[in-house]
Amino acid sequence: MKLIDFLTRTFTWWNGQTWGTYWYTRRRGERVGEDELGNVYYRATDHMIDPSMGPERRWVVYNGLADMSRVPPSWRGWLAHTHNVPPSEEQYTPREWEMAHLPNMTGTPEAYRPQGSPSASGRRPAATGDYVPWSPDEGAAGRAG
């Protein structure tokens, strides 16, 4: 293992799994499957989250940055206990309305910038004149009367 990989695993959680997750997964995790993006899914082999509730502990080890938008809908349903059978154990076919994965574009040049945003065109559009700022003197007079 390279030094940078060791330090990344030691001090960050967003670049894959930490040492705690690594050892927990090795000791108590059962590999359930892998998605098309290389994320690997696990379930606990020996205990429940809350025995009175019943659901098992499930988690994902991301292939790269930890970003929930990188989990396909089929696996997201399994992680959230919406589906009991993981997609690796059934024939899952995406619905026609399901879109292909797009990464989270926040902070990139491809991020959504609504009309009127200073970052959309580089300068703010002219004011329309319909905004009147609040003034403490006007506000106090309105309350007294």
N, C-alpha and C. Protein backbone atom coordinates (compact mmCIF):
# COMPACT_ATOMS: atom_id res chain seq x y z
N MET A 1 0.86 -1.18 0.00
CA MET A 1 0.00 0.00 0.00
C MET A 1 0.90 1.24 0.00
N LYS A 2 0.56 2.19 -0.85
CA LYS A 2 1.32 3.42 -0.93
C LYS A 2 1.03 4.29 0.30
N LEU A 3 1.96 5.17 0.62
CA LEU A 3 1.80 6.05 1.77
C LEU A 3 0.58 6.94 1.61
N ILE A 4 0.35 7.47 0.42
CA ILE A 4 -0.81 8.35 0.21
C ILE A 4 -2.11 7.59 0.42
N ASP A 5 -2.18 6.33 0.01
CA ASP A 5 -3.37 5.52 0.23
C ASP A 5 -3.60 5.27 1.73
N PHE A 6 -2.52 5.00 2.44
CA PHE A 6 -2.60 4.78 3.88
C PHE A 6 -3.12 6.04 4.59
N LEU A 7 -2.55 7.19 4.24
CA LEU A 7 -2.98 8.45 4.87
C LEU A 7 -4.41 8.81 4.50
N THR A 8 -4.79 8.58 3.26
CA THR A 8 -6.16 8.87 2.82
C THR A 8 -7.15 8.01 3.59
N ARG A 9 -6.86 6.74 3.73
CA ARG A 9 -7.76 5.85 4.46
C ARG A 9 -7.79 6.18 5.96
N THR A 10 -6.70 6.73 6.47
CA THR A 10 -6.62 7.07 7.88
C THR A 10 -7.36 8.36 8.21
N PHE A 11 -7.23 9.38 7.37
CA PHE A 11 -7.71 10.71 7.73
C PHE A 11 -8.93 11.21 6.96
N THR A 12 -9.43 10.49 5.99
CA THR A 12 -10.61 10.95 5.24
C THR A 12 -11.65 9.87 5.18
N TRP A 13 -12.90 10.25 5.07
CA TRP A 13 -13.99 9.29 4.93
C TRP A 13 -14.61 9.37 3.54
N TRP A 14 -14.33 10.41 2.79
CA TRP A 14 -15.00 10.62 1.50
C TRP A 14 -14.27 9.96 0.34
N ASN A 15 -13.10 9.39 0.55
CA ASN A 15 -12.34 8.73 -0.51
C ASN A 15 -12.40 7.22 -0.36
N GLY A 16 -13.56 6.65 -0.27
CA GLY A 16 -13.68 5.22 -0.07
C GLY A 16 -13.93 4.91 1.39
N GLN A 17 -13.39 3.82 1.88
CA GLN A 17 -13.66 3.43 3.26
C GLN A 17 -12.51 3.77 4.18
N THR A 18 -12.84 4.07 5.43
CA THR A 18 -11.83 4.33 6.45
C THR A 18 -11.34 2.99 6.99
N TRP A 19 -10.34 3.06 7.87
CA TRP A 19 -9.84 1.82 8.48
C TRP A 19 -10.92 1.14 9.31
N GLY A 20 -11.74 1.94 10.03
CA GLY A 20 -12.81 1.34 10.83
C GLY A 20 -13.80 0.58 9.97
N THR A 21 -14.21 1.17 8.87
CA THR A 21 -15.14 0.50 7.96
C THR A 21 -14.47 -0.71 7.32
N TYR A 22 -13.21 -0.59 6.98
CA TYR A 22 -12.48 -1.70 6.38
C TYR A 22 -12.48 -2.91 7.30
N TRP A 23 -12.11 -2.70 8.59
CA TRP A 23 -12.04 -3.83 9.52
C TRP A 23 -13.42 -4.37 9.88
N TYR A 24 -14.39 -3.49 10.02
CA TYR A 24 -15.75 -3.94 10.30
C TYR A 24 -16.27 -4.80 9.14
N THR A 25 -16.01 -4.34 7.92
CA THR A 25 -16.45 -5.08 6.73
C THR A 25 -15.76 -6.44 6.65
N ARG A 26 -14.47 -6.49 6.95
CA ARG A 26 -13.73 -7.76 6.91
C ARG A 26 -14.24 -8.74 7.96
N ARG A 27 -14.55 -8.22 9.17
CA ARG A 27 -14.96 -9.09 10.26
C ARG A 27 -16.42 -9.49 10.20
N ARG A 28 -17.29 -8.55 9.84
CA ARG A 28 -18.72 -8.81 9.99
C ARG A 28 -19.54 -8.61 8.73
N GLY A 29 -18.91 -8.27 7.62
CA GLY A 29 -19.66 -8.00 6.41
C GLY A 29 -19.74 -9.19 5.47
N GLU A 30 -20.90 -9.34 4.87
CA GLU A 30 -21.10 -10.35 3.83
C GLU A 30 -21.32 -9.60 2.53
N ARG A 31 -20.47 -9.86 1.55
CA ARG A 31 -20.58 -9.19 0.26
C ARG A 31 -21.85 -9.65 -0.43
N VAL A 32 -22.67 -8.68 -0.84
CA VAL A 32 -23.95 -9.00 -1.46
C VAL A 32 -23.88 -8.83 -2.96
N GLY A 33 -23.16 -7.81 -3.41
CA GLY A 33 -23.06 -7.59 -4.84
C GLY A 33 -22.30 -6.34 -5.18
N GLU A 34 -22.21 -6.08 -6.48
CA GLU A 34 -21.50 -4.91 -6.99
C GLU A 34 -22.32 -4.32 -8.12
N ASP A 35 -22.35 -2.98 -8.21
CA ASP A 35 -23.10 -2.33 -9.28
C ASP A 35 -22.20 -2.02 -10.47
N GLU A 36 -22.78 -1.42 -11.49
CA GLU A 36 -22.04 -1.12 -12.71
C GLU A 36 -20.99 -0.04 -12.54
N LEU A 37 -21.04 0.72 -11.45
CA LEU A 37 -20.04 1.76 -11.18
C LEU A 37 -18.89 1.26 -10.31
N GLY A 38 -18.94 0.00 -9.88
CA GLY A 38 -17.88 -0.58 -9.07
C GLY A 38 -18.09 -0.45 -7.57
N ASN A 39 -19.22 0.10 -7.13
CA ASN A 39 -19.54 0.17 -5.70
C ASN A 39 -19.87 -1.24 -5.22
N VAL A 40 -19.42 -1.59 -4.02
CA VAL A 40 -19.64 -2.93 -3.47
C VAL A 40 -20.58 -2.82 -2.27
N TYR A 41 -21.57 -3.71 -2.20
CA TYR A 41 -22.62 -3.66 -1.18
C TYR A 41 -22.47 -4.83 -0.21
N TYR A 42 -22.72 -4.54 1.07
CA TYR A 42 -22.54 -5.52 2.14
C TYR A 42 -23.74 -5.51 3.07
N ARG A 43 -23.87 -6.62 3.82
CA ARG A 43 -24.82 -6.70 4.93
C ARG A 43 -24.11 -7.37 6.09
N ALA A 44 -24.55 -7.06 7.30
CA ALA A 44 -23.95 -7.62 8.50
C ALA A 44 -24.32 -9.09 8.62
N THR A 45 -23.38 -9.87 9.09
CA THR A 45 -23.63 -11.30 9.21
C THR A 45 -24.09 -11.71 10.60
N ASP A 46 -23.85 -10.86 11.62
CA ASP A 46 -24.08 -11.34 12.97
C ASP A 46 -25.03 -10.54 13.83
N HIS A 47 -25.47 -9.37 13.42
CA HIS A 47 -26.37 -8.62 14.29
C HIS A 47 -27.26 -7.68 13.50
N MET A 48 -28.27 -7.23 14.17
CA MET A 48 -29.23 -6.30 13.59
C MET A 48 -28.92 -4.89 14.08
N ILE A 49 -29.49 -3.90 13.41
CA ILE A 49 -29.36 -2.52 13.87
C ILE A 49 -30.05 -2.40 15.22
N ASP A 50 -31.28 -2.85 15.30
CA ASP A 50 -32.06 -2.84 16.53
C ASP A 50 -32.87 -4.13 16.53
N PRO A 51 -32.55 -5.09 17.39
CA PRO A 51 -33.23 -6.38 17.36
C PRO A 51 -34.75 -6.28 17.47
N SER A 52 -35.26 -5.25 18.15
CA SER A 52 -36.71 -5.13 18.26
C SER A 52 -37.34 -4.68 16.95
N MET A 53 -36.57 -4.00 16.11
CA MET A 53 -37.08 -3.54 14.81
C MET A 53 -36.86 -4.59 13.73
N GLY A 54 -35.73 -5.26 13.77
CA GLY A 54 -35.50 -6.34 12.85
C GLY A 54 -34.63 -6.09 11.64
N PRO A 55 -34.49 -4.86 11.11
CA PRO A 55 -33.72 -4.76 9.87
C PRO A 55 -32.24 -5.00 10.08
N GLU A 56 -31.63 -5.61 9.08
CA GLU A 56 -30.19 -5.85 9.15
C GLU A 56 -29.42 -4.60 8.76
N ARG A 57 -28.17 -4.53 9.17
CA ARG A 57 -27.30 -3.42 8.81
C ARG A 57 -26.81 -3.64 7.38
N ARG A 58 -26.95 -2.61 6.53
CA ARG A 58 -26.52 -2.68 5.13
C ARG A 58 -25.69 -1.44 4.83
N TRP A 59 -24.66 -1.61 3.99
CA TRP A 59 -23.83 -0.47 3.63
C TRP A 59 -23.17 -0.67 2.28
N VAL A 60 -22.61 0.43 1.79
CA VAL A 60 -21.92 0.43 0.50
C VAL A 60 -20.50 0.93 0.70
N VAL A 61 -19.56 0.32 0.01
CA VAL A 61 -18.19 0.82 -0.05
C VAL A 61 -18.04 1.36 -1.46
N TYR A 62 -17.90 2.68 -1.54
CA TYR A 62 -17.87 3.36 -2.83
C TYR A 62 -16.57 3.09 -3.57
N ASN A 63 -16.67 3.06 -4.88
CA ASN A 63 -15.52 2.98 -5.75
C ASN A 63 -15.15 4.42 -6.10
N GLY A 64 -14.35 5.04 -5.25
CA GLY A 64 -14.00 6.44 -5.44
C GLY A 64 -14.66 7.30 -4.38
N LEU A 65 -15.03 8.52 -4.76
CA LEU A 65 -15.61 9.45 -3.81
C LEU A 65 -16.95 8.96 -3.28
N ALA A 66 -17.19 9.21 -1.99
CA ALA A 66 -18.45 8.83 -1.35
C ALA A 66 -19.52 9.82 -1.77
N ASP A 67 -20.39 9.40 -2.66
CA ASP A 67 -21.44 10.26 -3.20
C ASP A 67 -22.68 9.40 -3.42
N MET A 68 -23.72 9.65 -2.61
CA MET A 68 -24.92 8.83 -2.69
C MET A 68 -25.59 8.89 -4.05
N SER A 69 -25.33 9.94 -4.82
CA SER A 69 -25.91 10.00 -6.16
C SER A 69 -25.28 8.96 -7.09
N ARG A 70 -24.20 8.31 -6.64
CA ARG A 70 -23.57 7.26 -7.44
C ARG A 70 -24.14 5.88 -7.15
N VAL A 71 -25.20 5.81 -6.36
CA VAL A 71 -25.85 4.53 -6.08
C VAL A 71 -27.07 4.42 -6.98
N PRO A 72 -27.15 3.38 -7.83
CA PRO A 72 -28.30 3.22 -8.72
C PRO A 72 -29.60 3.01 -7.94
N PRO A 73 -30.74 3.33 -8.54
CA PRO A 73 -32.02 3.21 -7.84
C PRO A 73 -32.28 1.80 -7.29
N SER A 74 -31.89 0.78 -8.01
CA SER A 74 -32.13 -0.58 -7.54
C SER A 74 -31.40 -0.86 -6.23
N TRP A 75 -30.14 -0.45 -6.14
CA TRP A 75 -29.37 -0.65 -4.92
C TRP A 75 -29.80 0.31 -3.83
N ARG A 76 -30.22 1.51 -4.19
CA ARG A 76 -30.69 2.48 -3.19
C ARG A 76 -31.90 1.93 -2.45
N GLY A 77 -32.80 1.28 -3.17
CA GLY A 77 -33.97 0.67 -2.55
C GLY A 77 -33.58 -0.43 -1.58
N TRP A 78 -32.57 -1.21 -1.92
CA TRP A 78 -32.12 -2.27 -1.02
C TRP A 78 -31.46 -1.68 0.22
N LEU A 79 -30.60 -0.66 0.05
CA LEU A 79 -29.93 -0.04 1.18
C LEU A 79 -30.93 0.57 2.16
N ALA A 80 -32.01 1.15 1.65
CA ALA A 80 -33.01 1.82 2.47
C ALA A 80 -34.06 0.85 3.01
N HIS A 81 -33.89 -0.45 2.81
CA HIS A 81 -34.82 -1.48 3.27
C HIS A 81 -36.19 -1.36 2.61
N THR A 82 -36.23 -0.75 1.43
CA THR A 82 -37.47 -0.72 0.66
C THR A 82 -37.69 -2.07 -0.01
N HIS A 83 -36.59 -2.69 -0.43
CA HIS A 83 -36.62 -4.02 -1.04
C HIS A 83 -35.79 -4.97 -0.18
N ASN A 84 -36.28 -6.17 0.02
CA ASN A 84 -35.54 -7.14 0.82
C ASN A 84 -34.55 -7.95 -0.01
N VAL A 85 -34.83 -8.08 -1.30
CA VAL A 85 -33.96 -8.87 -2.17
C VAL A 85 -33.01 -7.93 -2.90
N PRO A 86 -31.69 -8.12 -2.76
CA PRO A 86 -30.76 -7.24 -3.46
C PRO A 86 -30.82 -7.47 -4.96
N PRO A 87 -30.50 -6.45 -5.75
CA PRO A 87 -30.54 -6.60 -7.21
C PRO A 87 -29.64 -7.70 -7.73
N SER A 88 -28.59 -8.06 -6.99
CA SER A 88 -27.69 -9.13 -7.45
C SER A 88 -28.36 -10.50 -7.38
N GLU A 89 -29.47 -10.61 -6.64
CA GLU A 89 -30.16 -11.90 -6.49
C GLU A 89 -31.45 -11.97 -7.28
N GLU A 90 -31.72 -10.97 -8.09
CA GLU A 90 -32.93 -10.99 -8.91
C GLU A 90 -32.64 -10.34 -10.26
N GLN A 91 -33.51 -10.57 -11.18
CA GLN A 91 -33.40 -9.95 -12.49
C GLN A 91 -34.03 -8.57 -12.41
N TYR A 92 -33.21 -7.57 -12.25
CA TYR A 92 -33.72 -6.20 -12.17
C TYR A 92 -33.61 -5.55 -13.54
N THR A 93 -34.72 -5.02 -14.01
CA THR A 93 -34.71 -4.26 -15.25
C THR A 93 -35.18 -2.85 -14.94
N PRO A 94 -34.37 -1.86 -15.29
CA PRO A 94 -34.77 -0.48 -15.00
C PRO A 94 -36.06 -0.11 -15.73
N ARG A 95 -36.84 0.74 -15.10
CA ARG A 95 -38.07 1.23 -15.72
C ARG A 95 -37.71 2.23 -16.81
N GLU A 96 -38.63 2.44 -17.73
CA GLU A 96 -38.35 3.34 -18.85
C GLU A 96 -38.16 4.79 -18.40
N TRP A 97 -38.71 5.16 -17.25
CA TRP A 97 -38.58 6.52 -16.76
C TRP A 97 -37.33 6.75 -15.92
N GLU A 98 -36.59 5.69 -15.59
CA GLU A 98 -35.37 5.84 -14.82
C GLU A 98 -34.26 6.38 -15.71
N MET A 99 -33.59 7.40 -15.21
CA MET A 99 -32.52 8.03 -15.98
C MET A 99 -31.18 7.37 -15.66
N ALA A 100 -30.26 7.47 -16.59
CA ALA A 100 -28.91 6.97 -16.36
C ALA A 100 -28.22 7.86 -15.32
N HIS A 101 -27.22 7.33 -14.69
CA HIS A 101 -26.51 8.06 -13.63
C HIS A 101 -25.83 9.32 -14.17
N LEU A 102 -26.02 10.40 -13.44
CA LEU A 102 -25.26 11.63 -13.66
C LEU A 102 -24.60 11.99 -12.35
N PRO A 103 -23.32 12.27 -12.36
CA PRO A 103 -22.67 12.61 -11.09
C PRO A 103 -23.16 13.95 -10.55
N ASN A 104 -22.94 14.17 -9.27
CA ASN A 104 -23.30 15.44 -8.66
C ASN A 104 -22.39 16.52 -9.23
N MET A 105 -22.96 17.51 -9.90
CA MET A 105 -22.17 18.52 -10.60
C MET A 105 -21.93 19.78 -9.76
N THR A 106 -22.38 19.79 -8.51
CA THR A 106 -22.18 20.96 -7.66
C THR A 106 -20.70 21.27 -7.55
N GLY A 107 -20.36 22.53 -7.73
CA GLY A 107 -18.97 22.96 -7.63
C GLY A 107 -18.17 22.78 -8.90
N THR A 108 -18.80 22.35 -9.97
CA THR A 108 -18.11 22.18 -11.24
C THR A 108 -18.65 23.18 -12.24
N PRO A 109 -17.97 23.39 -13.36
CA PRO A 109 -18.49 24.30 -14.38
C PRO A 109 -19.84 23.84 -14.97
N GLU A 110 -20.16 22.56 -14.84
CA GLU A 110 -21.43 22.03 -15.37
C GLU A 110 -22.58 22.14 -14.38
N ALA A 111 -22.37 22.75 -13.22
CA ALA A 111 -23.41 22.86 -12.20
C ALA A 111 -24.57 23.70 -12.72
N TYR A 112 -25.76 23.43 -12.20
CA TYR A 112 -26.95 24.19 -12.58
C TYR A 112 -26.86 25.61 -12.05
N ARG A 113 -27.10 26.56 -12.92
CA ARG A 113 -27.10 27.97 -12.53
C ARG A 113 -28.38 28.59 -13.07
N PRO A 114 -29.32 28.91 -12.19
CA PRO A 114 -30.60 29.43 -12.65
C PRO A 114 -30.48 30.83 -13.25
N GLN A 115 -31.46 31.18 -14.05
CA GLN A 115 -31.49 32.50 -14.65
C GLN A 115 -31.51 33.55 -13.54
N GLY A 116 -30.69 34.59 -13.68
CA GLY A 116 -30.60 35.62 -12.66
C GLY A 116 -29.46 35.41 -11.70
N SER A 117 -28.84 34.25 -11.71
CA SER A 117 -27.70 33.99 -10.85
C SER A 117 -26.49 34.72 -11.40
N PRO A 118 -25.70 35.37 -10.55
CA PRO A 118 -24.50 36.05 -11.04
C PRO A 118 -23.52 35.10 -11.72
N SER A 119 -23.51 33.83 -11.32
CA SER A 119 -22.58 32.89 -11.93
C SER A 119 -23.11 32.32 -13.24
N ALA A 120 -24.36 32.59 -13.59
CA ALA A 120 -24.92 32.06 -14.83
C ALA A 120 -24.37 32.81 -16.05
N SER A 121 -24.31 34.13 -15.97
CA SER A 121 -23.85 34.89 -17.12
C SER A 121 -22.64 35.74 -16.82
N GLY A 122 -22.20 35.74 -15.60
CA GLY A 122 -21.03 36.52 -15.23
C GLY A 122 -21.37 37.87 -14.64
N ARG A 123 -22.60 38.34 -14.83
CA ARG A 123 -23.00 39.60 -14.20
C ARG A 123 -24.48 39.53 -13.84
N ARG A 124 -24.85 40.28 -12.84
CA ARG A 124 -26.21 40.27 -12.33
C ARG A 124 -27.11 41.08 -13.26
N PRO A 125 -28.34 40.60 -13.52
CA PRO A 125 -29.26 41.36 -14.36
C PRO A 125 -29.70 42.66 -13.66
N ALA A 126 -30.13 43.61 -14.44
CA ALA A 126 -30.57 44.90 -13.89
C ALA A 126 -31.77 44.72 -12.99
N ALA A 127 -31.85 45.56 -11.94
CA ALA A 127 -32.97 45.51 -11.01
C ALA A 127 -34.24 45.98 -11.71
N THR A 128 -35.37 45.43 -11.31
CA THR A 128 -36.65 45.77 -11.94
C THR A 128 -37.37 46.89 -11.23
N GLY A 129 -36.95 47.27 -10.04
CA GLY A 129 -37.59 48.37 -9.32
C GLY A 129 -38.74 47.94 -8.44
N ASP A 130 -39.00 46.66 -8.31
CA ASP A 130 -40.11 46.20 -7.48
C ASP A 130 -39.69 45.88 -6.05
N TYR A 131 -38.44 46.09 -5.71
CA TYR A 131 -37.96 45.79 -4.37
C TYR A 131 -37.81 47.08 -3.58
N VAL A 132 -38.37 47.09 -2.39
CA VAL A 132 -38.25 48.24 -1.50
C VAL A 132 -37.59 47.73 -0.22
N PRO A 133 -36.39 48.21 0.11
CA PRO A 133 -35.72 47.70 1.30
C PRO A 133 -36.40 48.17 2.57
N TRP A 134 -36.31 47.36 3.61
CA TRP A 134 -36.89 47.69 4.90
C TRP A 134 -36.01 48.71 5.60
N SER A 135 -36.61 49.63 6.31
CA SER A 135 -35.89 50.63 7.07
C SER A 135 -36.38 50.59 8.51
N PRO A 136 -35.48 50.64 9.50
CA PRO A 136 -35.92 50.55 10.90
C PRO A 136 -36.83 51.70 11.30
N ASP A 137 -36.63 52.89 10.72
CA ASP A 137 -37.49 54.03 11.07
C ASP A 137 -38.92 53.81 10.58
N GLU A 138 -39.05 53.29 9.37
CA GLU A 138 -40.39 53.02 8.81
C GLU A 138 -41.06 51.89 9.54
N GLY A 139 -40.27 50.87 9.93
CA GLY A 139 -40.85 49.74 10.63
C GLY A 139 -41.37 50.11 12.00
N ALA A 140 -40.67 50.96 12.73
CA ALA A 140 -41.10 51.38 14.07
C ALA A 140 -42.36 52.23 13.99
N ALA A 141 -42.45 53.09 12.98
CA ALA A 141 -43.63 53.94 12.84
C ALA A 141 -44.86 53.09 12.51
N GLY A 142 -44.65 52.06 11.74
CA GLY A 142 -45.78 51.21 11.37
C GLY A 142 -46.31 50.43 12.56
N ARG A 143 -45.43 50.03 13.47
CA ARG A 143 -45.85 49.27 14.65
C ARG A 143 -46.52 50.17 15.69
N ALA A 144 -46.09 51.44 15.79
CA ALA A 144 -46.64 52.32 16.83
C ALA A 144 -48.06 52.74 16.52
N GLY A 145 -48.40 52.82 15.27
CA GLY A 145 -49.68 53.37 14.90
C GLY A 145 -50.71 52.37 14.83
